[in-house]
Amino acid sequence: MIKAELEIEIAQPTEYEMEIVRQLTKDFELDGEEFKMGQFIIAKSNNRVLGFGREKKHQDCTEISTIGVVQAYRNQGIGKSIVTELIKKIKSDTIFIVTVIPDYFCQIGFKTTSELPESLKSKIEFCASFCNSNSVNIMKLIKSTL
């Protein structure tokens, strides 16, 4: 079997692509709260949405959120490309993420933290409603240390 290399473009989504992202967010049971087009970037190939992620600005922190990759395209570096691009795009030096897969984000430079911005408390509860609350992690990245 020959595996073709995908040419992936990281871009701002069109309105049509945002509807696809909205549906995938529901399908993957991700954070669909305060869904705003300007927050998202997508990874696409041949005009097909393969993955997405967003920057959420809160009063007390900036969060990377709603990271998803279509099942058939996972484990090919698409999620990492999305997160890396979001990190570059975000102006804040400190970035948070709430996750149940901390090992994945450690590879990118995030570290588990006990610091919990007030605005992320409800996110912890949201994630815990889908899985064991002990598996929900708050992680922080300080860009200037990369």
N, C-alpha and C. Protein backbone atom coordinates (compact mmCIF):
# COMPACT_ATOMS: atom_id res chain seq x y z
N MET A 1 0.84 -1.19 0.00
CA MET A 1 0.00 0.00 0.00
C MET A 1 0.88 1.25 0.00
N ILE A 2 0.58 2.17 -0.85
CA ILE A 2 1.33 3.43 -0.95
C ILE A 2 0.55 4.51 -0.21
N LYS A 3 1.24 5.18 0.68
CA LYS A 3 0.60 6.26 1.45
C LYS A 3 1.07 7.60 0.87
N ALA A 4 0.14 8.37 0.35
CA ALA A 4 0.46 9.66 -0.25
C ALA A 4 0.61 10.73 0.83
N GLU A 5 1.57 11.61 0.61
CA GLU A 5 1.75 12.75 1.51
C GLU A 5 0.63 13.76 1.28
N LEU A 6 0.05 14.24 2.34
CA LEU A 6 -0.98 15.27 2.24
C LEU A 6 -0.34 16.64 2.19
N GLU A 7 -0.84 17.49 1.34
CA GLU A 7 -0.44 18.89 1.36
C GLU A 7 -1.46 19.60 2.24
N ILE A 8 -1.01 20.04 3.40
CA ILE A 8 -1.92 20.63 4.38
C ILE A 8 -1.71 22.12 4.45
N GLU A 9 -2.82 22.83 4.45
CA GLU A 9 -2.82 24.28 4.57
C GLU A 9 -3.47 24.64 5.90
N ILE A 10 -2.82 25.49 6.66
CA ILE A 10 -3.42 26.03 7.90
C ILE A 10 -3.98 27.39 7.52
N ALA A 11 -5.27 27.59 7.79
CA ALA A 11 -5.93 28.82 7.32
C ALA A 11 -7.08 29.23 8.23
N GLN A 12 -7.55 30.45 8.01
CA GLN A 12 -8.78 30.91 8.64
C GLN A 12 -9.94 30.24 7.90
N PRO A 13 -10.94 29.73 8.60
CA PRO A 13 -12.05 29.06 7.91
C PRO A 13 -13.02 30.03 7.25
N THR A 14 -13.63 29.58 6.16
CA THR A 14 -14.72 30.32 5.54
C THR A 14 -15.98 30.05 6.37
N GLU A 15 -17.06 30.76 6.08
CA GLU A 15 -18.32 30.50 6.80
C GLU A 15 -18.78 29.06 6.60
N TYR A 16 -18.64 28.56 5.38
CA TYR A 16 -19.03 27.17 5.09
C TYR A 16 -18.17 26.20 5.92
N GLU A 17 -16.87 26.44 5.97
CA GLU A 17 -15.98 25.57 6.75
C GLU A 17 -16.28 25.66 8.24
N MET A 18 -16.72 26.83 8.70
CA MET A 18 -17.09 26.97 10.11
C MET A 18 -18.28 26.08 10.46
N GLU A 19 -19.20 25.90 9.53
CA GLU A 19 -20.33 25.00 9.78
C GLU A 19 -19.84 23.56 9.93
N ILE A 20 -18.83 23.19 9.15
CA ILE A 20 -18.23 21.86 9.29
C ILE A 20 -17.55 21.73 10.64
N VAL A 21 -16.81 22.76 11.04
CA VAL A 21 -16.14 22.77 12.34
C VAL A 21 -17.17 22.67 13.46
N ARG A 22 -18.26 23.41 13.33
CA ARG A 22 -19.33 23.37 14.35
C ARG A 22 -19.87 21.94 14.50
N GLN A 23 -20.11 21.26 13.38
CA GLN A 23 -20.63 19.90 13.43
C GLN A 23 -19.60 18.93 14.02
N LEU A 24 -18.35 19.06 13.61
CA LEU A 24 -17.30 18.20 14.15
C LEU A 24 -17.11 18.43 15.65
N THR A 25 -17.23 19.67 16.08
CA THR A 25 -17.13 19.99 17.50
C THR A 25 -18.20 19.23 18.28
N LYS A 26 -19.41 19.20 17.77
CA LYS A 26 -20.49 18.43 18.41
C LYS A 26 -20.18 16.94 18.37
N ASP A 27 -19.77 16.44 17.21
CA ASP A 27 -19.48 15.02 17.06
C ASP A 27 -18.38 14.56 18.01
N PHE A 28 -17.36 15.40 18.21
CA PHE A 28 -16.23 15.05 19.07
C PHE A 28 -16.47 15.41 20.53
N GLU A 29 -17.64 15.99 20.83
CA GLU A 29 -18.00 16.43 22.19
C GLU A 29 -16.97 17.39 22.76
N LEU A 30 -16.61 18.39 21.96
CA LEU A 30 -15.65 19.40 22.37
C LEU A 30 -16.38 20.67 22.81
N ASP A 31 -15.62 21.63 23.29
CA ASP A 31 -16.14 22.90 23.78
C ASP A 31 -16.70 23.73 22.62
N GLY A 32 -18.01 23.81 22.55
CA GLY A 32 -18.67 24.61 21.52
C GLY A 32 -19.22 25.91 22.06
N GLU A 33 -18.85 26.25 23.28
CA GLU A 33 -19.33 27.46 23.93
C GLU A 33 -18.72 28.70 23.26
N GLU A 34 -19.55 29.73 23.12
CA GLU A 34 -19.09 31.02 22.56
C GLU A 34 -18.36 30.82 21.23
N PHE A 35 -18.99 30.16 20.33
CA PHE A 35 -18.43 29.80 19.03
C PHE A 35 -18.31 31.05 18.15
N LYS A 36 -17.09 31.50 17.90
CA LYS A 36 -16.88 32.70 17.08
C LYS A 36 -15.88 32.40 15.98
N MET A 37 -16.21 32.80 14.79
CA MET A 37 -15.40 32.50 13.61
C MET A 37 -13.95 32.97 13.74
N GLY A 38 -13.73 34.16 14.21
CA GLY A 38 -12.38 34.72 14.29
C GLY A 38 -11.45 34.00 15.25
N GLN A 39 -11.99 33.11 16.09
CA GLN A 39 -11.16 32.38 17.04
C GLN A 39 -10.46 31.18 16.41
N PHE A 40 -10.99 30.67 15.32
CA PHE A 40 -10.57 29.37 14.79
C PHE A 40 -9.55 29.45 13.67
N ILE A 41 -8.74 28.39 13.60
CA ILE A 41 -7.96 28.09 12.42
C ILE A 41 -8.29 26.65 12.06
N ILE A 42 -8.08 26.32 10.80
CA ILE A 42 -8.32 24.95 10.35
C ILE A 42 -7.10 24.42 9.60
N ALA A 43 -7.01 23.11 9.54
CA ALA A 43 -6.06 22.43 8.67
C ALA A 43 -6.91 21.82 7.57
N LYS A 44 -6.52 22.05 6.32
CA LYS A 44 -7.31 21.49 5.23
C LYS A 44 -6.40 21.00 4.12
N SER A 45 -6.94 20.10 3.33
CA SER A 45 -6.24 19.56 2.18
C SER A 45 -7.28 19.34 1.09
N ASN A 46 -6.99 19.83 -0.10
CA ASN A 46 -7.95 19.72 -1.21
C ASN A 46 -9.34 20.22 -0.81
N ASN A 47 -9.36 21.36 -0.10
CA ASN A 47 -10.60 22.00 0.35
C ASN A 47 -11.42 21.16 1.32
N ARG A 48 -10.79 20.17 1.94
CA ARG A 48 -11.48 19.35 2.94
C ARG A 48 -10.92 19.68 4.32
N VAL A 49 -11.80 19.97 5.28
CA VAL A 49 -11.38 20.27 6.65
C VAL A 49 -10.90 18.97 7.30
N LEU A 50 -9.65 18.98 7.76
CA LEU A 50 -9.06 17.81 8.40
C LEU A 50 -8.97 17.99 9.92
N GLY A 51 -8.85 19.25 10.35
CA GLY A 51 -8.71 19.52 11.77
C GLY A 51 -8.93 20.99 12.05
N PHE A 52 -9.00 21.32 13.33
CA PHE A 52 -9.30 22.70 13.73
C PHE A 52 -8.88 22.93 15.17
N GLY A 53 -8.80 24.20 15.54
CA GLY A 53 -8.51 24.59 16.91
C GLY A 53 -8.80 26.07 17.05
N ARG A 54 -8.85 26.52 18.30
CA ARG A 54 -9.15 27.94 18.49
C ARG A 54 -8.45 28.54 19.69
N GLU A 55 -8.38 29.86 19.63
CA GLU A 55 -7.88 30.68 20.72
C GLU A 55 -9.09 31.31 21.39
N LYS A 56 -9.22 31.08 22.70
CA LYS A 56 -10.29 31.73 23.46
C LYS A 56 -9.65 32.71 24.43
N LYS A 57 -10.03 33.97 24.28
CA LYS A 57 -9.54 35.00 25.19
C LYS A 57 -10.56 35.18 26.30
N HIS A 58 -10.10 35.02 27.52
CA HIS A 58 -10.94 35.25 28.70
C HIS A 58 -10.43 36.50 29.40
N GLN A 59 -11.18 36.98 30.38
CA GLN A 59 -10.73 38.18 31.13
C GLN A 59 -9.41 37.94 31.83
N ASP A 60 -9.21 36.71 32.33
CA ASP A 60 -8.04 36.45 33.16
C ASP A 60 -7.00 35.52 32.51
N CYS A 61 -7.23 35.06 31.27
CA CYS A 61 -6.24 34.20 30.62
C CYS A 61 -6.58 34.00 29.14
N THR A 62 -5.65 33.39 28.43
CA THR A 62 -5.86 32.98 27.04
C THR A 62 -5.76 31.47 27.02
N GLU A 63 -6.69 30.85 26.29
CA GLU A 63 -6.78 29.39 26.26
C GLU A 63 -6.77 28.88 24.81
N ILE A 64 -6.05 27.78 24.60
CA ILE A 64 -6.20 27.03 23.36
C ILE A 64 -7.27 26.00 23.65
N SER A 65 -8.22 25.88 22.73
CA SER A 65 -9.42 25.08 23.00
C SER A 65 -9.92 24.43 21.72
N THR A 66 -10.82 23.49 21.91
CA THR A 66 -11.58 22.90 20.80
C THR A 66 -10.63 22.41 19.70
N ILE A 67 -9.66 21.60 20.09
CA ILE A 67 -8.72 21.01 19.13
C ILE A 67 -9.30 19.68 18.67
N GLY A 68 -9.46 19.52 17.38
CA GLY A 68 -9.98 18.26 16.85
C GLY A 68 -9.39 17.94 15.49
N VAL A 69 -9.21 16.65 15.24
CA VAL A 69 -8.74 16.16 13.94
C VAL A 69 -9.66 15.02 13.52
N VAL A 70 -10.08 15.05 12.28
CA VAL A 70 -10.94 13.99 11.73
C VAL A 70 -10.23 12.65 11.91
N GLN A 71 -10.97 11.66 12.38
CA GLN A 71 -10.42 10.35 12.74
C GLN A 71 -9.45 9.78 11.70
N ALA A 72 -9.81 9.80 10.45
CA ALA A 72 -8.98 9.20 9.40
C ALA A 72 -7.64 9.90 9.21
N TYR A 73 -7.48 11.11 9.78
CA TYR A 73 -6.26 11.88 9.59
C TYR A 73 -5.47 12.07 10.88
N ARG A 74 -5.83 11.36 11.91
CA ARG A 74 -5.10 11.48 13.19
C ARG A 74 -3.73 10.80 13.10
N ASN A 75 -2.87 11.17 14.02
CA ASN A 75 -1.52 10.61 14.13
C ASN A 75 -0.66 10.91 12.89
N GLN A 76 -0.91 12.06 12.28
CA GLN A 76 -0.12 12.49 11.13
C GLN A 76 0.48 13.89 11.35
N GLY A 77 0.39 14.39 12.59
CA GLY A 77 0.97 15.68 12.92
C GLY A 77 0.05 16.87 12.67
N ILE A 78 -1.18 16.62 12.28
CA ILE A 78 -2.10 17.72 11.98
C ILE A 78 -2.47 18.49 13.24
N GLY A 79 -2.80 17.78 14.30
CA GLY A 79 -3.14 18.44 15.57
C GLY A 79 -1.97 19.27 16.08
N LYS A 80 -0.79 18.73 16.02
CA LYS A 80 0.40 19.45 16.47
C LYS A 80 0.61 20.71 15.64
N SER A 81 0.39 20.61 14.32
CA SER A 81 0.53 21.78 13.44
C SER A 81 -0.47 22.87 13.82
N ILE A 82 -1.68 22.46 14.13
CA ILE A 82 -2.72 23.42 14.53
C ILE A 82 -2.34 24.11 15.83
N VAL A 83 -1.94 23.33 16.83
CA VAL A 83 -1.58 23.90 18.13
C VAL A 83 -0.36 24.81 17.99
N THR A 84 0.63 24.38 17.23
CA THR A 84 1.84 25.19 17.02
C THR A 84 1.49 26.52 16.36
N GLU A 85 0.61 26.48 15.38
CA GLU A 85 0.20 27.72 14.69
C GLU A 85 -0.57 28.63 15.65
N LEU A 86 -1.42 28.05 16.47
CA LEU A 86 -2.16 28.86 17.45
C LEU A 86 -1.20 29.52 18.43
N ILE A 87 -0.20 28.78 18.89
CA ILE A 87 0.79 29.34 19.82
C ILE A 87 1.49 30.55 19.18
N LYS A 88 1.88 30.42 17.91
CA LYS A 88 2.53 31.54 17.20
C LYS A 88 1.60 32.74 17.10
N LYS A 89 0.33 32.47 16.84
CA LYS A 89 -0.66 33.53 16.59
C LYS A 89 -1.05 34.28 17.87
N ILE A 90 -1.06 33.58 18.98
CA ILE A 90 -1.50 34.17 20.25
C ILE A 90 -0.48 35.19 20.74
N LYS A 91 -0.97 36.35 21.12
CA LYS A 91 -0.09 37.43 21.57
C LYS A 91 0.35 37.26 23.02
N SER A 92 -0.48 36.66 23.83
CA SER A 92 -0.16 36.46 25.25
C SER A 92 1.03 35.52 25.41
N ASP A 93 1.88 35.78 26.40
CA ASP A 93 3.02 34.91 26.67
C ASP A 93 2.60 33.64 27.39
N THR A 94 1.49 33.71 28.14
CA THR A 94 1.01 32.56 28.91
C THR A 94 -0.27 32.04 28.29
N ILE A 95 -0.28 30.74 28.01
CA ILE A 95 -1.42 30.09 27.37
C ILE A 95 -1.82 28.88 28.19
N PHE A 96 -3.12 28.71 28.39
CA PHE A 96 -3.64 27.56 29.12
C PHE A 96 -4.37 26.61 28.19
N ILE A 97 -4.46 25.37 28.62
CA ILE A 97 -5.30 24.38 27.94
C ILE A 97 -5.86 23.43 29.00
N VAL A 98 -7.11 23.05 28.84
CA VAL A 98 -7.74 22.06 29.71
C VAL A 98 -7.86 20.80 28.86
N THR A 99 -7.31 19.69 29.35
CA THR A 99 -7.22 18.50 28.51
C THR A 99 -7.30 17.20 29.30
N VAL A 100 -7.67 16.15 28.61
CA VAL A 100 -7.63 14.79 29.18
C VAL A 100 -6.47 14.00 28.56
N ILE A 101 -5.68 14.64 27.70
CA ILE A 101 -4.52 13.99 27.09
C ILE A 101 -3.25 14.83 27.33
N PRO A 102 -2.83 14.93 28.60
CA PRO A 102 -1.70 15.80 28.93
C PRO A 102 -0.39 15.39 28.27
N ASP A 103 -0.16 14.10 28.07
CA ASP A 103 1.10 13.67 27.47
C ASP A 103 1.28 14.26 26.08
N TYR A 104 0.19 14.37 25.34
CA TYR A 104 0.24 14.95 24.00
C TYR A 104 0.72 16.40 24.06
N PHE A 105 0.17 17.17 24.97
CA PHE A 105 0.51 18.59 25.05
C PHE A 105 1.87 18.84 25.71
N CYS A 106 2.34 17.88 26.52
CA CYS A 106 3.70 17.99 27.08
C CYS A 106 4.73 18.02 25.96
N GLN A 107 4.49 17.24 24.90
CA GLN A 107 5.41 17.18 23.76
C GLN A 107 5.56 18.55 23.08
N ILE A 108 4.54 19.39 23.23
CA ILE A 108 4.55 20.70 22.58
C ILE A 108 5.12 21.78 23.50
N GLY A 109 5.25 21.47 24.79
CA GLY A 109 5.83 22.42 25.73
C GLY A 109 4.93 22.81 26.88
N PHE A 110 3.69 22.33 26.90
CA PHE A 110 2.79 22.63 28.01
C PHE A 110 3.21 21.84 29.24
N LYS A 111 2.97 22.42 30.41
CA LYS A 111 3.27 21.76 31.68
C LYS A 111 2.02 21.79 32.56
N THR A 112 1.80 20.68 33.26
CA THR A 112 0.68 20.62 34.18
C THR A 112 0.89 21.68 35.26
N THR A 113 -0.20 22.33 35.65
CA THR A 113 -0.11 23.39 36.65
C THR A 113 -1.28 23.28 37.63
N SER A 114 -1.07 23.78 38.83
CA SER A 114 -2.17 23.86 39.80
C SER A 114 -2.87 25.21 39.69
N GLU A 115 -2.28 26.11 38.92
CA GLU A 115 -2.88 27.44 38.70
C GLU A 115 -4.17 27.26 37.89
N LEU A 116 -5.25 27.79 38.41
CA LEU A 116 -6.54 27.65 37.72
C LEU A 116 -7.22 29.00 37.61
N PRO A 117 -7.11 29.64 36.45
CA PRO A 117 -7.82 30.91 36.26
C PRO A 117 -9.32 30.71 36.49
N GLU A 118 -9.94 31.68 37.08
CA GLU A 118 -11.37 31.62 37.40
C GLU A 118 -12.21 31.25 36.18
N SER A 119 -11.86 31.81 35.03
CA SER A 119 -12.65 31.58 33.81
C SER A 119 -12.60 30.14 33.32
N LEU A 120 -11.64 29.35 33.81
CA LEU A 120 -11.53 27.96 33.35
C LEU A 120 -12.17 26.95 34.29
N LYS A 121 -12.69 27.41 35.42
CA LYS A 121 -13.31 26.48 36.38
C LYS A 121 -14.49 25.73 35.76
N SER A 122 -15.32 26.42 35.01
CA SER A 122 -16.47 25.75 34.39
C SER A 122 -16.00 24.77 33.30
N LYS A 123 -14.86 25.05 32.67
CA LYS A 123 -14.31 24.16 31.66
C LYS A 123 -13.88 22.84 32.29
N ILE A 124 -13.30 22.90 33.47
CA ILE A 124 -12.91 21.69 34.20
C ILE A 124 -14.15 20.84 34.46
N GLU A 125 -15.22 21.49 34.91
CA GLU A 125 -16.48 20.78 35.18
C GLU A 125 -17.05 20.18 33.90
N PHE A 126 -16.98 20.92 32.79
CA PHE A 126 -17.46 20.44 31.49
C PHE A 126 -16.71 19.17 31.10
N CYS A 127 -15.39 19.21 31.15
CA CYS A 127 -14.58 18.05 30.78
C CYS A 127 -14.82 16.87 31.72
N ALA A 128 -14.96 17.15 33.00
CA ALA A 128 -15.20 16.08 33.98
C ALA A 128 -16.54 15.39 33.76
N SER A 129 -17.48 16.10 33.14
CA SER A 129 -18.80 15.48 32.89
C SER A 129 -18.71 14.40 31.81
N PHE A 130 -17.64 14.40 31.02
CA PHE A 130 -17.47 13.40 29.97
C PHE A 130 -16.53 12.27 30.37
N CYS A 131 -15.76 12.50 31.42
CA CYS A 131 -14.79 11.48 31.81
C CYS A 131 -14.50 11.61 33.29
N ASN A 132 -13.68 10.75 33.81
CA ASN A 132 -13.27 10.77 35.21
C ASN A 132 -12.60 12.11 35.51
N SER A 133 -13.08 12.80 36.52
CA SER A 133 -12.55 14.14 36.82
C SER A 133 -11.06 14.11 37.15
N ASN A 134 -10.53 12.96 37.59
CA ASN A 134 -9.10 12.86 37.88
C ASN A 134 -8.26 12.90 36.62
N SER A 135 -8.87 12.68 35.45
CA SER A 135 -8.11 12.68 34.21
C SER A 135 -8.12 14.04 33.51
N VAL A 136 -8.80 15.02 34.09
CA VAL A 136 -8.84 16.37 33.52
C VAL A 136 -7.65 17.16 34.06
N ASN A 137 -6.88 17.72 33.16
CA ASN A 137 -5.68 18.46 33.54
C ASN A 137 -5.73 19.89 33.04
N ILE A 138 -5.21 20.79 33.87
CA ILE A 138 -5.01 22.18 33.43
C ILE A 138 -3.51 22.30 33.16
N MET A 139 -3.20 22.80 31.98
CA MET A 139 -1.80 22.91 31.59
C MET A 139 -1.52 24.34 31.15
N LYS A 140 -0.25 24.70 31.25
CA LYS A 140 0.14 26.07 30.94
C LYS A 140 1.42 26.05 30.11
N LEU A 141 1.48 26.95 29.17
CA LEU A 141 2.68 27.14 28.35
C LEU A 141 3.10 28.58 28.48
N ILE A 142 4.37 28.80 28.72
CA ILE A 142 4.92 30.16 28.73
C ILE A 142 5.80 30.27 27.49
N LYS A 143 5.34 31.04 26.52
CA LYS A 143 6.01 31.12 25.21
C LYS A 143 7.47 31.55 25.32
N SER A 144 7.77 32.44 26.22
CA SER A 144 9.14 32.96 26.32
C SER A 144 10.12 31.90 26.80
N THR A 145 9.63 30.75 27.28
CA THR A 145 10.52 29.69 27.73
C THR A 145 10.74 28.63 26.65
N LEU A 146 10.09 28.78 25.51
CA LEU A 146 10.26 27.79 24.43
C LEU A 146 11.56 27.98 23.70
